[in-house]
Amino acid sequence: MEHDRRPEPMRPGPEQLARHRAFGKLIDAWIDAHPGAPDLAMWDDPEFVRAVNVLDGRDPEHGLNEA
């Protein structure tokens, strides 16, 4: 009896890895600059959100002017 095999997991490409590393560095820099800030407070910082938007290839203002 043949068993279904799970497909091999997809590995991220070089662009995804570079974006992931850049995002990690951005988070680390924000945390270092804001010691004692609550978890996830960076998402309330418009400059942080703009930087993430640029990393993701979106308009820097994406999501900042939503009610």
N, C-alpha and C. Protein backbone atom coordinates (compact mmCIF):
# COMPACT_ATOMS: atom_id res chain seq x y z
N MET A 1 0.85 -1.18 0.00
CA MET A 1 0.00 0.00 0.00
C MET A 1 0.89 1.24 0.00
N GLU A 2 0.63 2.10 -0.92
CA GLU A 2 1.47 3.30 -1.05
C GLU A 2 0.89 4.44 -0.21
N HIS A 3 1.76 5.09 0.52
CA HIS A 3 1.34 6.22 1.35
C HIS A 3 1.61 7.52 0.61
N ASP A 4 0.72 8.48 0.82
CA ASP A 4 0.96 9.80 0.22
C ASP A 4 2.14 10.44 0.93
N ARG A 5 3.02 10.96 0.15
CA ARG A 5 4.18 11.64 0.73
C ARG A 5 3.91 13.13 0.78
N ARG A 6 4.36 13.72 1.82
CA ARG A 6 4.24 15.18 1.92
C ARG A 6 5.23 15.83 0.97
N PRO A 7 4.82 16.91 0.35
CA PRO A 7 5.76 17.60 -0.54
C PRO A 7 6.89 18.23 0.27
N GLU A 8 8.00 18.39 -0.36
CA GLU A 8 9.14 19.05 0.29
C GLU A 8 8.74 20.50 0.60
N PRO A 9 9.11 21.01 1.76
CA PRO A 9 8.78 22.41 2.06
C PRO A 9 9.53 23.34 1.10
N MET A 10 8.86 24.43 0.75
CA MET A 10 9.50 25.40 -0.13
C MET A 10 10.49 26.21 0.69
N ARG A 11 11.64 26.39 0.15
CA ARG A 11 12.65 27.19 0.82
C ARG A 11 12.60 28.61 0.28
N PRO A 12 12.80 29.58 1.16
CA PRO A 12 12.77 30.97 0.68
C PRO A 12 13.94 31.24 -0.25
N GLY A 13 13.68 32.09 -1.22
CA GLY A 13 14.73 32.48 -2.15
C GLY A 13 15.61 33.57 -1.55
N PRO A 14 16.66 33.96 -2.26
CA PRO A 14 17.60 34.96 -1.75
C PRO A 14 16.94 36.31 -1.44
N GLU A 15 15.95 36.71 -2.26
CA GLU A 15 15.28 37.99 -1.99
C GLU A 15 14.48 37.93 -0.70
N GLN A 16 13.79 36.81 -0.48
CA GLN A 16 13.02 36.66 0.76
C GLN A 16 13.94 36.63 1.97
N LEU A 17 15.06 35.94 1.86
CA LEU A 17 16.01 35.88 2.97
C LEU A 17 16.57 37.26 3.28
N ALA A 18 16.92 38.01 2.24
CA ALA A 18 17.47 39.36 2.45
C ALA A 18 16.43 40.26 3.09
N ARG A 19 15.16 40.16 2.64
CA ARG A 19 14.10 40.98 3.22
C ARG A 19 13.87 40.59 4.68
N HIS A 20 13.92 39.29 4.96
CA HIS A 20 13.74 38.83 6.34
C HIS A 20 14.86 39.34 7.25
N ARG A 21 16.10 39.29 6.76
CA ARG A 21 17.23 39.81 7.56
C ARG A 21 17.09 41.31 7.78
N ALA A 22 16.71 42.05 6.73
CA ALA A 22 16.55 43.50 6.86
C ALA A 22 15.44 43.83 7.86
N PHE A 23 14.35 43.07 7.83
CA PHE A 23 13.25 43.28 8.77
C PHE A 23 13.72 43.02 10.19
N GLY A 24 14.49 41.96 10.39
CA GLY A 24 15.03 41.66 11.72
C GLY A 24 15.93 42.77 12.23
N LYS A 25 16.77 43.30 11.35
CA LYS A 25 17.64 44.40 11.75
C LYS A 25 16.83 45.65 12.09
N LEU A 26 15.77 45.90 11.32
CA LEU A 26 14.91 47.05 11.58
C LEU A 26 14.24 46.93 12.95
N ILE A 27 13.72 45.75 13.24
CA ILE A 27 13.08 45.53 14.55
C ILE A 27 14.11 45.69 15.68
N ASP A 28 15.28 45.09 15.51
CA ASP A 28 16.32 45.20 16.55
C ASP A 28 16.72 46.65 16.78
N ALA A 29 16.87 47.42 15.72
CA ALA A 29 17.23 48.83 15.85
C ALA A 29 16.14 49.61 16.57
N TRP A 30 14.88 49.32 16.25
CA TRP A 30 13.78 50.03 16.90
C TRP A 30 13.74 49.70 18.38
N ILE A 31 13.90 48.42 18.71
CA ILE A 31 13.88 48.00 20.12
C ILE A 31 15.04 48.64 20.88
N ASP A 32 16.22 48.69 20.27
CA ASP A 32 17.38 49.32 20.92
C ASP A 32 17.15 50.81 21.16
N ALA A 33 16.43 51.46 20.24
CA ALA A 33 16.17 52.90 20.36
C ALA A 33 15.01 53.20 21.30
N HIS A 34 14.22 52.19 21.67
CA HIS A 34 13.06 52.39 22.53
C HIS A 34 13.05 51.37 23.66
N PRO A 35 14.07 51.42 24.53
CA PRO A 35 14.12 50.43 25.62
C PRO A 35 12.89 50.55 26.53
N GLY A 36 12.37 49.43 26.92
CA GLY A 36 11.22 49.41 27.81
C GLY A 36 9.89 49.62 27.12
N ALA A 37 9.88 49.78 25.81
CA ALA A 37 8.62 49.96 25.10
C ALA A 37 7.82 48.66 25.14
N PRO A 38 6.50 48.77 25.15
CA PRO A 38 5.67 47.55 25.16
C PRO A 38 5.88 46.71 23.90
N ASP A 39 5.61 45.42 24.03
CA ASP A 39 5.69 44.54 22.86
C ASP A 39 4.79 45.07 21.76
N LEU A 40 5.27 45.01 20.55
CA LEU A 40 4.56 45.41 19.35
C LEU A 40 4.29 46.91 19.25
N ALA A 41 4.89 47.71 20.12
CA ALA A 41 4.70 49.17 20.07
C ALA A 41 5.26 49.76 18.78
N MET A 42 6.20 49.06 18.16
CA MET A 42 6.79 49.58 16.92
C MET A 42 5.74 49.81 15.84
N TRP A 43 4.66 49.03 15.88
CA TRP A 43 3.62 49.15 14.85
C TRP A 43 2.80 50.42 15.03
N ASP A 44 2.95 51.10 16.16
CA ASP A 44 2.30 52.40 16.37
C ASP A 44 3.19 53.55 15.94
N ASP A 45 4.41 53.26 15.55
CA ASP A 45 5.39 54.27 15.12
C ASP A 45 5.32 54.41 13.60
N PRO A 46 4.84 55.56 13.11
CA PRO A 46 4.72 55.75 11.65
C PRO A 46 6.03 55.56 10.90
N GLU A 47 7.14 55.95 11.48
CA GLU A 47 8.43 55.80 10.79
C GLU A 47 8.79 54.32 10.62
N PHE A 48 8.50 53.53 11.63
CA PHE A 48 8.75 52.09 11.54
C PHE A 48 7.86 51.48 10.45
N VAL A 49 6.58 51.84 10.47
CA VAL A 49 5.64 51.31 9.47
C VAL A 49 6.08 51.70 8.06
N ARG A 50 6.52 52.94 7.89
CA ARG A 50 7.01 53.38 6.57
C ARG A 50 8.20 52.53 6.12
N ALA A 51 9.12 52.27 7.02
CA ALA A 51 10.31 51.49 6.68
C ALA A 51 9.92 50.06 6.30
N VAL A 52 8.98 49.47 7.01
CA VAL A 52 8.52 48.12 6.67
C VAL A 52 7.83 48.13 5.31
N ASN A 53 7.03 49.15 5.05
CA ASN A 53 6.36 49.26 3.76
C ASN A 53 7.38 49.31 2.62
N VAL A 54 8.45 50.07 2.81
CA VAL A 54 9.49 50.15 1.79
C VAL A 54 10.15 48.79 1.59
N LEU A 55 10.45 48.10 2.69
CA LEU A 55 11.04 46.76 2.59
C LEU A 55 10.14 45.81 1.80
N ASP A 56 8.83 45.95 1.99
CA ASP A 56 7.87 45.08 1.32
C ASP A 56 7.52 45.54 -0.08
N GLY A 57 8.07 46.67 -0.51
CA GLY A 57 7.81 47.17 -1.85
C GLY A 57 6.48 47.88 -1.99
N ARG A 58 5.91 48.31 -0.88
CA ARG A 58 4.64 49.04 -0.91
C ARG A 58 4.90 50.54 -0.83
N ASP A 59 3.84 51.29 -1.07
CA ASP A 59 3.87 52.73 -0.86
C ASP A 59 4.21 52.96 0.62
N PRO A 60 5.17 53.84 0.92
CA PRO A 60 5.53 54.07 2.32
C PRO A 60 4.36 54.48 3.21
N GLU A 61 3.34 55.11 2.64
CA GLU A 61 2.20 55.58 3.43
C GLU A 61 1.10 54.52 3.58
N HIS A 62 1.31 53.35 3.01
CA HIS A 62 0.30 52.29 3.04
C HIS A 62 -0.11 51.98 4.49
N GLY A 63 -1.40 52.07 4.75
CA GLY A 63 -1.93 51.73 6.06
C GLY A 63 -1.80 52.80 7.12
N LEU A 64 -1.15 53.92 6.82
CA LEU A 64 -0.96 54.93 7.85
C LEU A 64 -2.16 55.87 7.96
N ASN A 65 -2.90 56.03 6.91
CA ASN A 65 -4.00 57.00 6.93
C ASN A 65 -5.35 56.33 7.04
N GLU A 66 -5.37 55.05 7.43
CA GLU A 66 -6.63 54.35 7.58
C GLU A 66 -7.22 54.66 8.95
N ALA A 67 -8.52 54.78 8.97
CA ALA A 67 -9.21 55.11 10.23
C ALA A 67 -9.27 53.91 11.15
